[in-house]
């Protein structure tokens, strides 16, 4: 018997994208170059509402994380994926810069806390 194993966490794109609610809505999930920040917030709010109703949100999110995708996937934008450790491919992207700042500030806060503990001991 010839069987092919497909992990439940990751399926071939054609198997889950056929059921995605975002089909044909590229402009909602991928913003134009030099998009204004307030417009991005509005666009991503619409995208988020589609994602929350989508039956394949988990597969979509995992695909974007596994492939370091740009755009809005599985209820996450690039910044949220970068903060979770799945940065987009281009290191010059805003998402990577913001994630580095967030992670850096968290590390500095933890280091300061350790220094305070050491000083009080």
PDB file of N, CA and C in Angstrom:
ATOM      1  N   UNK A   1       0.846  -1.180   0.000  1.00  0.00           N
ATOM      2  CA  UNK A   1       0.000   0.000   0.000  1.00  0.00           C
ATOM      3  C   UNK A   1       0.890   1.240   0.000  1.00  0.00           C
ATOM      4  N   UNK A   2       0.665   2.129  -0.951  1.00  0.00           N
ATOM      5  CA  UNK A   2       1.454   3.354  -1.090  1.00  0.00           C
ATOM      6  C   UNK A   2       0.740   4.501  -0.379  1.00  0.00           C
ATOM      7  N   UNK A   3       1.327   5.005   0.719  1.00  0.00           N
ATOM      8  CA  UNK A   3       0.694   6.087   1.486  1.00  0.00           C
ATOM      9  C   UNK A   3       1.680   7.231   1.632  1.00  0.00           C
ATOM     10  N   UNK A   4       1.168   8.426   1.610  1.00  0.00           N
ATOM     11  CA  UNK A   4       1.991   9.614   1.804  1.00  0.00           C
ATOM     12  C   UNK A   4       1.606  10.261   3.126  1.00  0.00           C
ATOM     13  N   UNK A   5       2.578  10.505   3.963  1.00  0.00           N
ATOM     14  CA  UNK A   5       2.326  11.137   5.248  1.00  0.00           C
ATOM     15  C   UNK A   5       2.404  12.647   5.105  1.00  0.00           C
ATOM     16  N   UNK A   6       1.404  13.333   5.591  1.00  0.00           N
ATOM     17  CA  UNK A   6       1.405  14.798   5.631  1.00  0.00           C
ATOM     18  C   UNK A   6       1.179  15.209   7.077  1.00  0.00           C
ATOM     19  N   UNK A   7       2.120  15.955   7.602  1.00  0.00           N
ATOM     20  CA  UNK A   7       2.018  16.414   8.985  1.00  0.00           C
ATOM     21  C   UNK A   7       0.749  17.233   9.177  1.00  0.00           C
ATOM     22  N   UNK A   8       0.043  17.051  10.295  1.00  0.00           N
ATOM     23  CA  UNK A   8      -1.149  17.863  10.530  1.00  0.00           C
ATOM     24  C   UNK A   8      -0.823  19.341  10.718  1.00  0.00           C
ATOM     25  N   UNK A   9       0.415  19.667  11.113  1.00  0.00           N
ATOM     26  CA  UNK A   9       0.805  21.063  11.296  1.00  0.00           C
ATOM     27  C   UNK A   9       1.056  21.765   9.980  1.00  0.00           C
ATOM     28  N   UNK A  10       1.508  21.015   9.002  1.00  0.00           N
ATOM     29  CA  UNK A  10       1.818  21.628   7.713  1.00  0.00           C
ATOM     30  C   UNK A  10       1.261  20.757   6.603  1.00  0.00           C
ATOM     31  N   UNK A  11       0.468  21.341   5.764  1.00  0.00           N
ATOM     32  CA  UNK A  11      -0.081  20.641   4.621  1.00  0.00           C
ATOM     33  C   UNK A  11       0.337  21.373   3.366  1.00  0.00           C
ATOM     34  N   UNK A  12       0.304  20.695   2.248  1.00  0.00           N
ATOM     35  CA  UNK A  12       0.642  21.349   0.990  1.00  0.00           C
ATOM     36  C   UNK A  12      -0.310  22.503   0.750  1.00  0.00           C
ATOM     37  N   UNK A  13       0.194  23.618   0.224  1.00  0.00           N
ATOM     38  CA  UNK A  13      -0.640  24.809   0.061  1.00  0.00           C
ATOM     39  C   UNK A  13      -1.986  24.561  -0.599  1.00  0.00           C
ATOM     40  N   UNK A  14      -2.040  23.760  -1.647  1.00  0.00           N
ATOM     41  CA  UNK A  14      -3.292  23.514  -2.337  1.00  0.00           C
ATOM     42  C   UNK A  14      -4.343  22.853  -1.477  1.00  0.00           C
ATOM     43  N   UNK A  15      -3.931  22.177  -0.429  1.00  0.00           N
ATOM     44  CA  UNK A  15      -4.881  21.481   0.422  1.00  0.00           C
ATOM     45  C   UNK A  15      -5.608  22.427   1.372  1.00  0.00           C
ATOM     46  N   UNK A  16      -4.988  23.491   1.773  1.00  0.00           N
ATOM     47  CA  UNK A  16      -5.686  24.398   2.694  1.00  0.00           C
ATOM     48  C   UNK A  16      -6.102  25.705   2.021  1.00  0.00           C
ATOM     49  N   UNK A  17      -5.373  26.153   1.039  1.00  0.00           N
ATOM     50  CA  UNK A  17      -5.713  27.427   0.408  1.00  0.00           C
ATOM     51  C   UNK A  17      -7.032  27.371  -0.348  1.00  0.00           C
ATOM     52  N   UNK A  18      -7.431  26.177  -0.742  1.00  0.00           N
ATOM     53  CA  UNK A  18      -8.728  26.035  -1.418  1.00  0.00           C
ATOM     54  C   UNK A  18      -9.888  26.436  -0.515  1.00  0.00           C
ATOM     55  N   UNK A  19      -9.663  26.415   0.795  1.00  0.00           N
ATOM     56  CA  UNK A  19     -10.722  26.706   1.765  1.00  0.00           C
ATOM     57  C   UNK A  19     -10.562  28.074   2.429  1.00  0.00           C
ATOM     58  N   UNK A  20      -9.542  28.825   2.022  1.00  0.00           N
ATOM     59  CA  UNK A  20      -9.269  30.128   2.633  1.00  0.00           C
ATOM     60  C   UNK A  20     -10.301  31.168   2.196  1.00  0.00           C
ATOM     61  N   UNK A  21     -10.767  31.965   3.150  1.00  0.00           N
ATOM     62  CA  UNK A  21     -11.745  33.011   2.851  1.00  0.00           C
ATOM     63  C   UNK A  21     -11.130  34.206   2.118  1.00  0.00           C
ATOM     64  N   UNK A  22      -9.820  34.294   2.099  1.00  0.00           N
ATOM     65  CA  UNK A  22      -9.152  35.453   1.514  1.00  0.00           C
ATOM     66  C   UNK A  22      -8.929  35.343   0.010  1.00  0.00           C
ATOM     67  N   UNK A  23      -9.352  34.288  -0.601  1.00  0.00           N
ATOM     68  CA  UNK A  23      -9.134  34.119  -2.039  1.00  0.00           C
ATOM     69  C   UNK A  23      -9.659  35.331  -2.811  1.00  0.00           C
ATOM     70  N   UNK A  24      -8.799  35.895  -3.641  1.00  0.00           N
ATOM     71  CA  UNK A  24      -9.183  37.042  -4.458  1.00  0.00           C
ATOM     72  C   UNK A  24      -9.121  38.383  -3.749  1.00  0.00           C
ATOM     73  N   UNK A  25      -8.641  38.419  -2.515  1.00  0.00           N
ATOM     74  CA  UNK A  25      -8.605  39.660  -1.733  1.00  0.00           C
ATOM     75  C   UNK A  25      -7.167  40.126  -1.477  1.00  0.00           C
ATOM     76  N   UNK A  26      -6.337  40.003  -2.465  1.00  0.00           N
ATOM     77  CA  UNK A  26      -4.924  40.334  -2.317  1.00  0.00           C
ATOM     78  C   UNK A  26      -4.705  41.737  -1.755  1.00  0.00           C
ATOM     79  N   UNK A  27      -5.477  42.706  -2.215  1.00  0.00           N
ATOM     80  CA  UNK A  27      -5.302  44.090  -1.753  1.00  0.00           C
ATOM     81  C   UNK A  27      -5.580  44.267  -0.272  1.00  0.00           C
ATOM     82  N   UNK A  28      -6.355  43.377   0.308  1.00  0.00           N
ATOM     83  CA  UNK A  28      -6.660  43.458   1.739  1.00  0.00           C
ATOM     84  C   UNK A  28      -5.503  42.896   2.564  1.00  0.00           C
ATOM     85  N   UNK A  29      -4.843  41.871   2.065  1.00  0.00           N
ATOM     86  CA  UNK A  29      -3.826  41.170   2.842  1.00  0.00           C
ATOM     87  C   UNK A  29      -2.395  41.593   2.535  1.00  0.00           C
ATOM     88  N   UNK A  30      -2.216  42.351   1.453  1.00  0.00           N
ATOM     89  CA  UNK A  30      -0.894  42.840   1.070  1.00  0.00           C
ATOM     90  C   UNK A  30      -1.029  44.309   0.683  1.00  0.00           C
ATOM     91  N   UNK A  31      -0.426  45.170   1.480  1.00  0.00           N
ATOM     92  CA  UNK A  31      -0.545  46.602   1.253  1.00  0.00           C
ATOM     93  C   UNK A  31       0.343  47.086   0.125  1.00  0.00           C
ATOM     94  N   UNK A  32       0.037  48.259  -0.401  1.00  0.00           N
ATOM     95  CA  UNK A  32       0.871  48.841  -1.459  1.00  0.00           C
ATOM     96  C   UNK A  32       2.190  49.366  -0.888  1.00  0.00           C
ATOM     97  N   UNK A  33       3.132  49.605  -1.765  1.00  0.00           N
ATOM     98  CA  UNK A  33       4.410  50.186  -1.360  1.00  0.00           C
ATOM     99  C   UNK A  33       4.138  51.563  -0.764  1.00  0.00           C
ATOM    100  N   UNK A  34       4.830  51.909   0.284  1.00  0.00           N
ATOM    101  CA  UNK A  34       4.713  53.207   0.966  1.00  0.00           C
ATOM    102  C   UNK A  34       3.295  53.460   1.485  1.00  0.00           C
ATOM    103  N   UNK A  35       2.676  52.415   1.982  1.00  0.00           N
ATOM    104  CA  UNK A  35       1.325  52.555   2.552  1.00  0.00           C
ATOM    105  C   UNK A  35       1.383  53.415   3.808  1.00  0.00           C
ATOM    106  N   UNK A  36       0.441  54.315   3.945  1.00  0.00           N
ATOM    107  CA  UNK A  36       0.387  55.185   5.126  1.00  0.00           C
ATOM    108  C   UNK A  36       0.026  54.344   6.353  1.00  0.00           C
ATOM    109  N   UNK A  37       0.624  54.635   7.495  1.00  0.00           N
ATOM    110  CA  UNK A  37       0.375  53.831   8.696  1.00  0.00           C
ATOM    111  C   UNK A  37      -1.100  53.720   9.082  1.00  0.00           C
ATOM    112  N   UNK A  38      -1.841  54.835   8.991  1.00  0.00           N
ATOM    113  CA  UNK A  38      -3.255  54.777   9.375  1.00  0.00           C
ATOM    114  C   UNK A  38      -4.059  53.916   8.398  1.00  0.00           C
ATOM    115  N   UNK A  39      -3.668  53.925   7.133  1.00  0.00           N
ATOM    116  CA  UNK A  39      -4.340  53.080   6.142  1.00  0.00           C
ATOM    117  C   UNK A  39      -4.009  51.610   6.389  1.00  0.00           C
ATOM    118  N   UNK A  40      -2.767  51.341   6.787  1.00  0.00           N
ATOM    119  CA  UNK A  40      -2.356  49.964   7.085  1.00  0.00           C
ATOM    120  C   UNK A  40      -3.181  49.409   8.241  1.00  0.00           C
ATOM    121  N   UNK A  41      -3.394  50.216   9.270  1.00  0.00           N
ATOM    122  CA  UNK A  41      -4.191  49.774  10.419  1.00  0.00           C
ATOM    123  C   UNK A  41      -5.608  49.417   9.974  1.00  0.00           C
ATOM    124  N   UNK A  42      -6.191  50.255   9.147  1.00  0.00           N
ATOM    125  CA  UNK A  42      -7.557  49.979   8.649  1.00  0.00           C
ATOM    126  C   UNK A  42      -7.597  48.710   7.803  1.00  0.00           C
ATOM    127  N   UNK A  43      -6.626  48.577   6.891  1.00  0.00           N
ATOM    128  CA  UNK A  43      -6.584  47.407   6.005  1.00  0.00           C
ATOM    129  C   UNK A  43      -6.392  46.118   6.808  1.00  0.00           C
ATOM    130  N   UNK A  44      -5.490  46.162   7.786  1.00  0.00           N
ATOM    131  CA  UNK A  44      -5.232  44.970   8.581  1.00  0.00           C
ATOM    132  C   UNK A  44      -6.407  44.611   9.486  1.00  0.00           C
ATOM    133  N   UNK A  45      -7.194  45.591   9.894  1.00  0.00           N
ATOM    134  CA  UNK A  45      -8.396  45.294  10.688  1.00  0.00           C
ATOM    135  C   UNK A  45      -9.396  44.505   9.848  1.00  0.00           C
ATOM    136  N   UNK A  46      -9.530  44.874   8.587  1.00  0.00           N
ATOM    137  CA  UNK A  46     -10.414  44.136   7.678  1.00  0.00           C
ATOM    138  C   UNK A  46      -9.859  42.728   7.457  1.00  0.00           C
ATOM    139  N   UNK A  47      -8.554  42.636   7.211  1.00  0.00           N
ATOM    140  CA  UNK A  47      -7.919  41.330   7.005  1.00  0.00           C
ATOM    141  C   UNK A  47      -8.108  40.440   8.233  1.00  0.00           C
ATOM    142  N   UNK A  48      -7.929  41.024   9.407  1.00  0.00           N
ATOM    143  CA  UNK A  48      -8.079  40.273  10.657  1.00  0.00           C
ATOM    144  C   UNK A  48      -9.491  39.695  10.787  1.00  0.00           C
ATOM    145  N   UNK A  49     -10.491  40.467  10.389  1.00  0.00           N
ATOM    146  CA  UNK A  49     -11.866  39.967  10.495  1.00  0.00           C
ATOM    147  C   UNK A  49     -12.092  38.768   9.577  1.00  0.00           C
ATOM    148  N   UNK A  50     -11.483  38.785   8.396  1.00  0.00           N
ATOM    149  CA  UNK A  50     -11.566  37.608   7.529  1.00  0.00           C
ATOM    150  C   UNK A  50     -10.861  36.414   8.172  1.00  0.00           C
ATOM    151  N   UNK A  51      -9.683  36.649   8.715  1.00  0.00           N
ATOM    152  CA  UNK A  51      -8.904  35.562   9.323  1.00  0.00           C
ATOM    153  C   UNK A  51      -9.648  34.908  10.491  1.00  0.00           C
ATOM    154  N   UNK A  52     -10.280  35.711  11.320  1.00  0.00           N
ATOM    155  CA  UNK A  52     -10.962  35.158  12.485  1.00  0.00           C
ATOM    156  C   UNK A  52     -12.140  34.262  12.097  1.00  0.00           C
ATOM    157  N   UNK A  53     -12.680  34.451  10.911  1.00  0.00           N
ATOM    158  CA  UNK A  53     -13.797  33.626  10.444  1.00  0.00           C
ATOM    159  C   UNK A  53     -13.334  32.483   9.543  1.00  0.00           C
ATOM    160  N   UNK A  54     -12.061  32.419   9.242  1.00  0.00           N
ATOM    161  CA  UNK A  54     -11.537  31.463   8.263  1.00  0.00           C
ATOM    162  C   UNK A  54     -11.312  30.082   8.885  1.00  0.00           C
ATOM    163  N   UNK A  55     -11.732  29.021   8.190  1.00  0.00           N
ATOM    164  CA  UNK A  55     -11.559  27.672   8.726  1.00  0.00           C
ATOM    165  C   UNK A  55     -10.116  27.166   8.669  1.00  0.00           C
ATOM    166  N   UNK A  56      -9.230  27.854   7.942  1.00  0.00           N
ATOM    167  CA  UNK A  56      -7.845  27.383   7.816  1.00  0.00           C
ATOM    168  C   UNK A  56      -6.843  28.379   8.397  1.00  0.00           C
ATOM    169  N   UNK A  57      -7.253  29.133   9.402  1.00  0.00           N
ATOM    170  CA  UNK A  57      -6.376  30.153   9.986  1.00  0.00           C
ATOM    171  C   UNK A  57      -5.084  29.545  10.550  1.00  0.00           C
ATOM    172  N   UNK A  58      -5.169  28.399  11.187  1.00  0.00           N
ATOM    173  CA  UNK A  58      -3.964  27.802  11.785  1.00  0.00           C
ATOM    174  C   UNK A  58      -2.966  27.361  10.722  1.00  0.00           C
ATOM    175  N   UNK A  59      -3.450  26.741   9.659  1.00  0.00           N
ATOM    176  CA  UNK A  59      -2.566  26.313   8.581  1.00  0.00           C
ATOM    177  C   UNK A  59      -1.934  27.523   7.893  1.00  0.00           C
ATOM    178  N   UNK A  60      -2.712  28.564   7.716  1.00  0.00           N
ATOM    179  CA  UNK A  60      -2.237  29.788   7.084  1.00  0.00           C
ATOM    180  C   UNK A  60      -1.128  30.430   7.922  1.00  0.00           C
ATOM    181  N   UNK A  61      -1.374  30.550   9.210  1.00  0.00           N
ATOM    182  CA  UNK A  61      -0.380  31.150  10.115  1.00  0.00           C
ATOM    183  C   UNK A  61       0.915  30.344  10.093  1.00  0.00           C
ATOM    184  N   UNK A  62       0.792  29.021  10.153  1.00  0.00           N
ATOM    185  CA  UNK A  62       1.987  28.178  10.168  1.00  0.00           C
ATOM    186  C   UNK A  62       2.744  28.270   8.850  1.00  0.00           C
ATOM    187  N   UNK A  63       2.025  28.320   7.734  1.00  0.00           N
ATOM    188  CA  UNK A  63       2.667  28.458   6.429  1.00  0.00           C
ATOM    189  C   UNK A  63       3.469  29.755   6.371  1.00  0.00           C
ATOM    190  N   UNK A  64       2.885  30.851   6.825  1.00  0.00           N
ATOM    191  CA  UNK A  64       3.570  32.146   6.808  1.00  0.00           C
ATOM    192  C   UNK A  64       4.801  32.131   7.701  1.00  0.00           C
ATOM    193  N   UNK A  65       4.683  31.507   8.848  1.00  0.00           N
ATOM    194  CA  UNK A  65       5.824  31.431   9.762  1.00  0.00           C
ATOM    195  C   UNK A  65       6.926  30.551   9.183  1.00  0.00           C
ATOM    196  N   UNK A  66       6.551  29.413   8.639  1.00  0.00           N
ATOM    197  CA  UNK A  66       7.541  28.485   8.065  1.00  0.00           C
ATOM    198  C   UNK A  66       8.275  29.090   6.878  1.00  0.00           C
ATOM    199  N   UNK A  67       7.598  29.954   6.138  1.00  0.00           N
ATOM    200  CA  UNK A  67       8.156  30.502   4.905  1.00  0.00           C
ATOM    201  C   UNK A  67       8.545  31.976   5.007  1.00  0.00           C
ATOM    202  N   UNK A  68       8.506  32.529   6.206  1.00  0.00           N
ATOM    203  CA  UNK A  68       8.894  33.926   6.451  1.00  0.00           C
ATOM    204  C   UNK A  68       8.241  34.872   5.446  1.00  0.00           C
ATOM    205  N   UNK A  69       6.932  34.766   5.362  1.00  0.00           N
ATOM    206  CA  UNK A  69       6.166  35.534   4.383  1.00  0.00           C
ATOM    207  C   UNK A  69       5.950  36.980   4.812  1.00  0.00           C
ATOM    208  N   UNK A  70       5.739  37.819   3.803  1.00  0.00           N
ATOM    209  CA  UNK A  70       5.324  39.205   4.004  1.00  0.00           C
ATOM    210  C   UNK A  70       3.809  39.241   3.919  1.00  0.00           C
ATOM    211  N   UNK A  71       3.209  40.298   4.429  1.00  0.00           N
ATOM    212  CA  UNK A  71       1.768  40.451   4.329  1.00  0.00           C
ATOM    213  C   UNK A  71       1.050  39.958   5.572  1.00  0.00           C
ATOM    214  N   UNK A  72      -0.249  39.903   5.483  1.00  0.00           N
ATOM    215  CA  UNK A  72      -1.109  39.509   6.597  1.00  0.00           C
ATOM    216  C   UNK A  72      -1.551  38.065   6.375  1.00  0.00           C
ATOM    217  N   UNK A  73      -1.135  37.160   7.230  1.00  0.00           N
ATOM    218  CA  UNK A  73      -1.422  35.728   7.099  1.00  0.00           C
ATOM    219  C   UNK A  73      -1.878  35.177   8.451  1.00  0.00           C
ATOM    220  N   UNK A  74      -2.912  34.401   8.457  1.00  0.00           N
ATOM    221  CA  UNK A  74      -3.333  33.707   9.668  1.00  0.00           C
ATOM    222  C   UNK A  74      -3.575  34.613  10.852  1.00  0.00           C
ATOM    223  N   UNK A  75      -4.062  35.817  10.601  1.00  0.00           N
ATOM    224  CA  UNK A  75      -4.348  36.747  11.686  1.00  0.00           C
ATOM    225  C   UNK A  75      -3.130  37.492  12.212  1.00  0.00           C
ATOM    226  N   UNK A  76      -1.999  37.379  11.523  1.00  0.00           N
ATOM    227  CA  UNK A  76      -0.770  38.049  11.964  1.00  0.00           C
ATOM    228  C   UNK A  76      -0.198  38.914  10.847  1.00  0.00           C
ATOM    229  N   UNK A  77       0.337  40.073  11.234  1.00  0.00           N
ATOM    230  CA  UNK A  77       1.086  40.870  10.267  1.00  0.00           C
ATOM    231  C   UNK A  77       2.572  40.550  10.424  1.00  0.00           C
ATOM    232  N   UNK A  78       3.401  41.201   9.637  1.00  0.00           N
ATOM    233  CA  UNK A  78       4.836  40.910   9.657  1.00  0.00           C
ATOM    234  C   UNK A  78       5.479  41.204  11.007  1.00  0.00           C
ATOM    235  N   UNK A  79       5.047  42.274  11.653  1.00  0.00           N
ATOM    236  CA  UNK A  79       5.614  42.637  12.946  1.00  0.00           C
ATOM    237  C   UNK A  79       5.297  41.551  13.983  1.00  0.00           C
ATOM    238  N   UNK A  80       4.062  41.094  14.012  1.00  0.00           N
ATOM    239  CA  UNK A  80       3.673  40.062  14.979  1.00  0.00           C
ATOM    240  C   UNK A  80       4.439  38.760  14.737  1.00  0.00           C
ATOM    241  N   UNK A  81       4.642  38.398  13.466  1.00  0.00           N
ATOM    242  CA  UNK A  81       5.431  37.190  13.173  1.00  0.00           C
ATOM    243  C   UNK A  81       6.889  37.390  13.568  1.00  0.00           C
ATOM    244  N   UNK A  82       7.421  38.568  13.292  1.00  0.00           N
ATOM    245  CA  UNK A  82       8.819  38.835  13.641  1.00  0.00           C
ATOM    246  C   UNK A  82       9.034  38.786  15.145  1.00  0.00           C
ATOM    247  N   UNK A  83       8.110  39.336  15.903  1.00  0.00           N
ATOM    248  CA  UNK A  83       8.206  39.302  17.368  1.00  0.00           C
ATOM    249  C   UNK A  83       8.148  37.858  17.875  1.00  0.00           C
ATOM    250  N   UNK A  84       7.367  37.018  17.182  1.00  0.00           N
ATOM    251  CA  UNK A  84       7.258  35.605  17.557  1.00  0.00           C
ATOM    252  C   UNK A  84       8.469  34.799  17.089  1.00  0.00           C
ATOM    253  N   UNK A  85       9.410  35.454  16.391  1.00  0.00           N
ATOM    254  CA  UNK A  85      10.627  34.773  15.953  1.00  0.00           C
ATOM    255  C   UNK A  85      10.599  34.304  14.509  1.00  0.00           C
ATOM    256  N   UNK A  86       9.645  34.768  13.751  1.00  0.00           N
ATOM    257  CA  UNK A  86       9.510  34.366  12.347  1.00  0.00           C
ATOM    258  C   UNK A  86       9.561  35.610  11.467  1.00  0.00           C
ATOM    259  N   UNK A  87      10.716  36.226  11.396  1.00  0.00           N
ATOM    260  CA  UNK A  87      10.868  37.484  10.659  1.00  0.00           C
ATOM    261  C   UNK A  87      10.770  37.264   9.156  1.00  0.00           C
ATOM    262  N   UNK A  88      10.266  38.262   8.442  1.00  0.00           N
ATOM    263  CA  UNK A  88      10.254  38.183   6.971  1.00  0.00           C
ATOM    264  C   UNK A  88      11.676  38.077   6.430  1.00  0.00           C
ATOM    265  N   UNK A  89      11.793  37.741   5.180  1.00  0.00           N
ATOM    266  CA  UNK A  89      13.100  37.487   4.564  1.00  0.00           C
ATOM    267  C   UNK A  89      14.021  38.703   4.529  1.00  0.00           C
ATOM    268  N   UNK A  90      13.517  39.878   4.316  1.00  0.00           N
ATOM    269  CA  UNK A  90      14.346  41.059   4.132  1.00  0.00           C
ATOM    270  C   UNK A  90      14.666  41.719   5.474  1.00  0.00           C
ATOM    271  N   UNK A  91      15.944  41.809   5.831  1.00  0.00           N
ATOM    272  CA  UNK A  91      16.292  42.424   7.121  1.00  0.00           C
ATOM    273  C   UNK A  91      16.038  43.914   7.182  1.00  0.00           C
ATOM    274  N   UNK A  92      15.764  44.551   6.067  1.00  0.00           N
ATOM    275  CA  UNK A  92      15.506  45.987   6.093  1.00  0.00           C
ATOM    276  C   UNK A  92      14.028  46.297   6.299  1.00  0.00           C
ATOM    277  N   UNK A  93      13.189  45.291   6.363  1.00  0.00           N
ATOM    278  CA  UNK A  93      11.759  45.517   6.496  1.00  0.00           C
ATOM    279  C   UNK A  93      11.425  46.100   7.868  1.00  0.00           C
ATOM    280  N   UNK A  94      10.385  46.900   7.908  1.00  0.00           N
ATOM    281  CA  UNK A  94       9.921  47.535   9.146  1.00  0.00           C
ATOM    282  C   UNK A  94       9.646  46.505  10.226  1.00  0.00           C
ATOM    283  N   UNK A  95       9.097  45.344   9.847  1.00  0.00           N
ATOM    284  CA  UNK A  95       8.750  44.322  10.822  1.00  0.00           C
ATOM    285  C   UNK A  95       9.971  43.841  11.584  1.00  0.00           C
ATOM    286  N   UNK A  96      11.054  43.633  10.878  1.00  0.00           N
ATOM    287  CA  UNK A  96      12.271  43.148  11.518  1.00  0.00           C
ATOM    288  C   UNK A  96      12.838  44.212  12.443  1.00  0.00           C
ATOM    289  N   UNK A  97      12.824  45.440  12.010  1.00  0.00           N
ATOM    290  CA  UNK A  97      13.350  46.536  12.821  1.00  0.00           C
ATOM    291  C   UNK A  97      12.544  46.682  14.112  1.00  0.00           C
ATOM    292  N   UNK A  98      11.222  46.662  13.991  1.00  0.00           N
ATOM    293  CA  UNK A  98      10.362  46.780  15.174  1.00  0.00           C
ATOM    294  C   UNK A  98      10.575  45.593  16.108  1.00  0.00           C
ATOM    295  N   UNK A  99      10.657  44.394  15.546  1.00  0.00           N
ATOM    296  CA  UNK A  99      10.858  43.203  16.375  1.00  0.00           C
ATOM    297  C   UNK A  99      12.186  43.274  17.118  1.00  0.00           C
ATOM    298  N   UNK A 100      13.228  43.721  16.434  1.00  0.00           N
ATOM    299  CA  UNK A 100      14.532  43.859  17.100  1.00  0.00           C
ATOM    300  C   UNK A 100      14.446  44.837  18.257  1.00  0.00           C
ATOM    301  N   UNK A 101      13.729  45.934  18.045  1.00  0.00           N
ATOM    302  CA  UNK A 101      13.576  46.923  19.111  1.00  0.00           C
ATOM    303  C   UNK A 101      12.832  46.324  20.300  1.00  0.00           C
ATOM    304  N   UNK A 102      11.755  45.581  20.023  1.00  0.00           N
ATOM    305  CA  UNK A 102      10.978  44.980  21.102  1.00  0.00           C
ATOM    306  C   UNK A 102      11.787  43.941  21.864  1.00  0.00           C
ATOM    307  N   UNK A 103      12.452  43.063  21.127  1.00  0.00           N
ATOM    308  CA  UNK A 103      13.256  42.027  21.763  1.00  0.00           C
ATOM    309  C   UNK A 103      14.410  42.660  22.520  1.00  0.00           C
ATOM    310  N   UNK A 104      15.040  43.663  21.916  1.00  0.00           N
ATOM    311  CA  UNK A 104      16.142  44.350  22.586  1.00  0.00           C
ATOM    312  C   UNK A 104      15.714  45.009  23.881  1.00  0.00           C
ATOM    313  N   UNK A 105      14.548  45.646  23.877  1.00  0.00           N
ATOM    314  CA  UNK A 105      14.076  46.297  25.096  1.00  0.00           C
ATOM    315  C   UNK A 105      13.732  45.267  26.169  1.00  0.00           C
ATOM    316  N   UNK A 106      13.193  44.114  25.748  1.00  0.00           N
ATOM    317  CA  UNK A 106      12.901  43.047  26.713  1.00  0.00           C
ATOM    318  C   UNK A 106      14.189  42.505  27.320  1.00  0.00           C
ATOM    319  N   UNK A 107      15.218  42.334  26.500  1.00  0.00           N
ATOM    320  CA  UNK A 107      16.515  41.842  27.000  1.00  0.00           C
ATOM    321  C   UNK A 107      17.151  42.848  27.943  1.00  0.00           C
ATOM    322  N   UNK A 108      17.067  44.141  27.575  1.00  0.00           N
ATOM    323  CA  UNK A 108      17.637  45.168  28.459  1.00  0.00           C
ATOM    324  C   UNK A 108      16.911  45.185  29.800  1.00  0.00           C
ATOM    325  N   UNK A 109      15.592  45.054  29.775  1.00  0.00           N
ATOM    326  CA  UNK A 109      14.820  45.048  31.022  1.00  0.00           C
ATOM    327  C   UNK A 109      15.202  43.853  31.883  1.00  0.00           C
ATOM    328  N   UNK A 110      15.368  42.679  31.254  1.00  0.00           N
ATOM    329  CA  UNK A 110      15.767  41.484  32.009  1.00  0.00           C
ATOM    330  C   UNK A 110      17.168  41.645  32.584  1.00  0.00           C
ATOM    331  N   UNK A 111      18.090  42.221  31.808  1.00  0.00           N
ATOM    332  CA  UNK A 111      19.455  42.442  32.291  1.00  0.00           C
ATOM    333  C   UNK A 111      19.462  43.432  33.441  1.00  0.00           C
ATOM    334  N   UNK A 112      18.665  44.491  33.336  1.00  0.00           N
ATOM    335  CA  UNK A 112      18.582  45.464  34.425  1.00  0.00           C
ATOM    336  C   UNK A 112      18.028  44.834  35.686  1.00  0.00           C
ATOM    337  N   UNK A 113      17.048  43.957  35.518  1.00  0.00           N
ATOM    338  CA  UNK A 113      16.461  43.273  36.675  1.00  0.00           C
ATOM    339  C   UNK A 113      17.505  42.379  37.351  1.00  0.00           C
ATOM    340  N   UNK A 114      18.285  41.664  36.549  1.00  0.00           N
ATOM    341  CA  UNK A 114      19.343  40.815  37.108  1.00  0.00           C
ATOM    342  C   UNK A 114      20.392  41.670  37.814  1.00  0.00           C
ATOM    343  N   UNK A 115      20.754  42.807  37.238  1.00  0.00           N
ATOM    344  CA  UNK A 115      21.731  43.693  37.873  1.00  0.00           C
ATOM    345  C   UNK A 115      21.197  44.213  39.206  1.00  0.00           C
ATOM    346  N   UNK A 116      19.923  44.566  39.250  1.00  0.00           N
ATOM    347  CA  UNK A 116      19.320  45.053  40.488  1.00  0.00           C
ATOM    348  C   UNK A 116      19.339  43.976  41.556  1.00  0.00           C
ATOM    349  N   UNK A 117      19.056  42.731  41.160  1.00  0.00           N
ATOM    350  CA  UNK A 117      19.093  41.613  42.106  1.00  0.00           C
ATOM    351  C   UNK A 117      20.512  41.397  42.623  1.00  0.00           C
ATOM    352  N   UNK A 118      21.481  41.473  41.730  1.00  0.00           N
ATOM    353  CA  UNK A 118      22.880  41.274  42.133  1.00  0.00           C
ATOM    354  C   UNK A 118      23.334  42.397  43.063  1.00  0.00           C
ATOM    355  N   UNK A 119      22.903  43.626  42.794  1.00  0.00           N
ATOM    356  CA  UNK A 119      23.288  44.750  43.632  1.00  0.00           C
ATOM    357  C   UNK A 119      22.676  44.673  45.030  1.00  0.00           C
ATOM    358  N   UNK A 120      21.474  44.104  45.102  1.00  0.00           N
ATOM    359  CA  UNK A 120      20.805  44.028  46.407  1.00  0.00           C
ATOM    360  C   UNK A 120      21.289  42.845  47.234  1.00  0.00           C
ATOM    361  N   UNK A 121      22.029  41.936  46.629  1.00  0.00           N
ATOM    362  CA  UNK A 121      22.507  40.751  47.358  1.00  0.00           C
ATOM    363  C   UNK A 121      23.767  41.001  48.109  1.00  0.00           C
TER     364      UNK A 121
END
